[in-house]
Amino acid sequence: QVQLVESGGGLVQPGGSLRLSCAASGRTFSSYAMGWFRQAPGKEREFVAAISWIGGSTYYTDSVKGRFTISRDNANNAVYLQMNSLKPEDTAVYYCAARYRGSVTTTTTTSYNYWGQGTQVTVSS
């Protein structure tokens, strides 16, 4: 079992930056591929970014590529999402997710086994 808790969300102006953190607990954290998803009001949950269990491979949805960076620190059981050049359309609840040695190119929500409760990100003037 893996428990995930997100933090770092908040209100930022367009063009600003935020870093989301995901604290993980449970055995063999380093064996899990980690992902970030987001869900805007009235919309379905969508894939944002993923990182492999080793940390050498990453994958991003086109809308955030070049602006967001996913990283992990296995020694501290943590995953991060650095978000730069934020846009109003990035506003959503962001969720941290995990799957056992999953592929970073798998983007479906059903492919992930564990989920955090989410953290709100609001981009507005």
Protein backbone atom coordinates (compact mmCIF):
# COMPACT_ATOMS: atom_id res chain seq x y z
CA GLN A 1 0.00 0.00 0.00
CA VAL A 2 1.16 3.52 -0.84
CA GLN A 3 -0.22 6.65 0.78
CA LEU A 4 0.12 9.97 -1.03
CA VAL A 5 -0.36 13.52 0.27
CA GLU A 6 -0.10 16.57 -2.01
CA SER A 7 0.82 20.10 -0.96
CA GLY A 8 1.97 23.37 -2.48
CA GLY A 9 -1.17 24.49 -4.27
CA GLY A 10 -2.51 28.00 -4.04
CA LEU A 11 -3.47 31.16 -5.90
CA VAL A 12 -0.98 32.61 -8.37
CA GLN A 13 -1.07 35.22 -11.12
CA PRO A 14 -0.74 34.26 -14.79
CA GLY A 15 2.92 33.80 -15.65
CA GLY A 16 3.77 32.86 -12.10
CA SER A 17 5.19 29.64 -10.69
CA LEU A 18 4.30 27.00 -8.14
CA ARG A 19 5.94 23.80 -6.98
CA LEU A 20 3.67 20.98 -5.95
CA SER A 21 4.95 18.30 -3.61
CA CYS A 22 3.76 14.76 -3.05
CA ALA A 23 4.82 12.98 0.11
CA ALA A 24 4.64 9.20 -0.15
CA SER A 25 4.67 6.52 2.49
CA GLY A 26 4.71 2.77 2.24
CA ARG A 27 7.17 0.12 1.20
CA THR A 28 9.17 0.10 -2.02
CA PHE A 29 8.36 3.68 -3.01
CA SER A 30 11.23 3.65 -5.48
CA SER A 31 9.54 0.81 -7.39
CA TYR A 32 6.59 2.99 -8.39
CA ALA A 33 6.19 5.17 -11.40
CA MET A 34 4.65 8.46 -10.30
CA GLY A 35 2.26 10.75 -12.10
CA TRP A 36 0.45 14.03 -11.77
CA PHE A 37 -3.12 14.49 -12.97
CA ARG A 38 -5.47 17.44 -12.79
CA GLN A 39 -9.20 18.01 -12.83
CA ALA A 40 -10.78 21.35 -13.64
CA PRO A 41 -14.35 22.21 -12.61
CA GLY A 42 -16.84 20.38 -14.79
CA LYS A 43 -14.13 18.42 -16.60
CA GLU A 44 -12.70 14.92 -16.45
CA ARG A 45 -9.45 14.16 -14.71
CA GLU A 46 -6.56 14.37 -17.17
CA PHE A 47 -2.95 13.32 -17.30
CA VAL A 48 -0.28 15.98 -16.77
CA ALA A 49 3.12 14.36 -16.23
CA ALA A 50 4.81 11.12 -15.17
CA ILE A 51 8.23 9.93 -14.05
CA SER A 52 9.64 6.41 -14.03
CA TRP A 53 10.55 4.40 -10.93
CA ILE A 54 14.23 5.08 -11.51
CA GLY A 55 13.64 8.70 -12.41
CA GLY A 56 15.41 8.63 -15.75
CA SER A 57 12.31 8.90 -17.92
CA THR A 58 9.62 11.58 -17.93
CA TYR A 59 6.54 12.23 -20.02
CA TYR A 60 4.29 15.27 -20.33
CA THR A 61 1.02 16.18 -21.92
CA ASP A 62 1.50 18.63 -24.79
CA SER A 63 -0.21 21.53 -23.06
CA VAL A 64 2.38 21.68 -20.26
CA LYS A 65 5.54 20.56 -22.06
CA GLY A 66 8.26 23.17 -21.67
CA ARG A 67 6.51 24.77 -18.70
CA PHE A 68 6.18 21.97 -16.14
CA THR A 69 8.89 19.69 -14.78
CA ILE A 70 8.31 16.50 -12.81
CA SER A 71 11.02 15.13 -10.54
CA ARG A 72 11.40 12.68 -7.68
CA ASP A 73 13.57 12.22 -4.63
CA ASN A 74 13.44 8.57 -3.67
CA ALA A 75 15.63 9.13 -0.60
CA ASN A 76 12.90 11.37 0.83
CA ASN A 77 9.90 9.57 -0.71
CA ALA A 78 8.83 12.69 -2.54
CA VAL A 79 7.64 13.69 -6.00
CA TYR A 80 7.47 17.24 -7.28
CA LEU A 81 5.82 19.18 -10.07
CA GLN A 82 7.49 22.49 -10.85
CA MET A 83 5.01 24.65 -12.73
CA ASN A 84 6.25 27.75 -14.54
CA SER A 85 4.55 30.25 -16.86
CA LEU A 86 1.19 29.32 -15.41
CA LYS A 87 -1.96 30.07 -17.38
CA PRO A 88 -5.57 30.44 -16.24
CA GLU A 89 -6.37 27.20 -18.04
CA ASP A 90 -4.00 25.41 -15.65
CA THR A 91 -6.50 26.01 -12.86
CA ALA A 92 -7.52 22.65 -11.43
CA VAL A 93 -7.19 20.28 -8.53
CA TYR A 94 -3.89 18.49 -8.98
CA TYR A 95 -3.52 14.87 -7.92
CA CYS A 96 -0.46 12.78 -7.26
CA ALA A 97 -0.72 9.15 -8.34
CA ALA A 98 1.39 5.99 -8.27
CA ARG A 99 1.59 2.66 -10.07
CA TYR A 100 3.99 -0.22 -9.62
CA ARG A 101 6.74 0.10 -12.24
CA GLY A 102 4.33 1.52 -14.77
CA SER A 103 5.23 3.07 -18.09
CA VAL A 104 5.50 6.85 -18.14
CA THR A 105 3.72 6.88 -21.48
CA THR A 106 0.53 5.41 -20.00
CA THR A 107 -1.82 8.34 -19.49
CA THR A 108 -5.09 6.81 -18.32
CA THR A 109 -6.32 7.35 -14.78
CA THR A 110 -7.23 3.67 -14.52
CA SER A 111 -3.60 2.65 -14.95
CA TYR A 112 -2.68 4.18 -11.58
CA ASN A 113 -3.36 2.30 -8.37
CA TYR A 114 -2.89 4.92 -5.66
CA TRP A 115 -4.06 8.52 -5.40
CA GLY A 116 -3.67 11.51 -3.14
CA GLN A 117 -6.56 13.75 -2.15
CA GLY A 118 -5.50 16.62 -4.38
CA THR A 119 -4.33 20.21 -3.99
CA GLN A 120 -6.03 23.23 -5.54
CA VAL A 121 -4.14 25.37 -8.04
CA THR A 122 -5.81 28.60 -9.12
CA VAL A 123 -4.25 30.87 -11.74
CA SER A 124 -6.00 34.23 -11.85
CA SER A 125 -5.32 37.95 -11.92
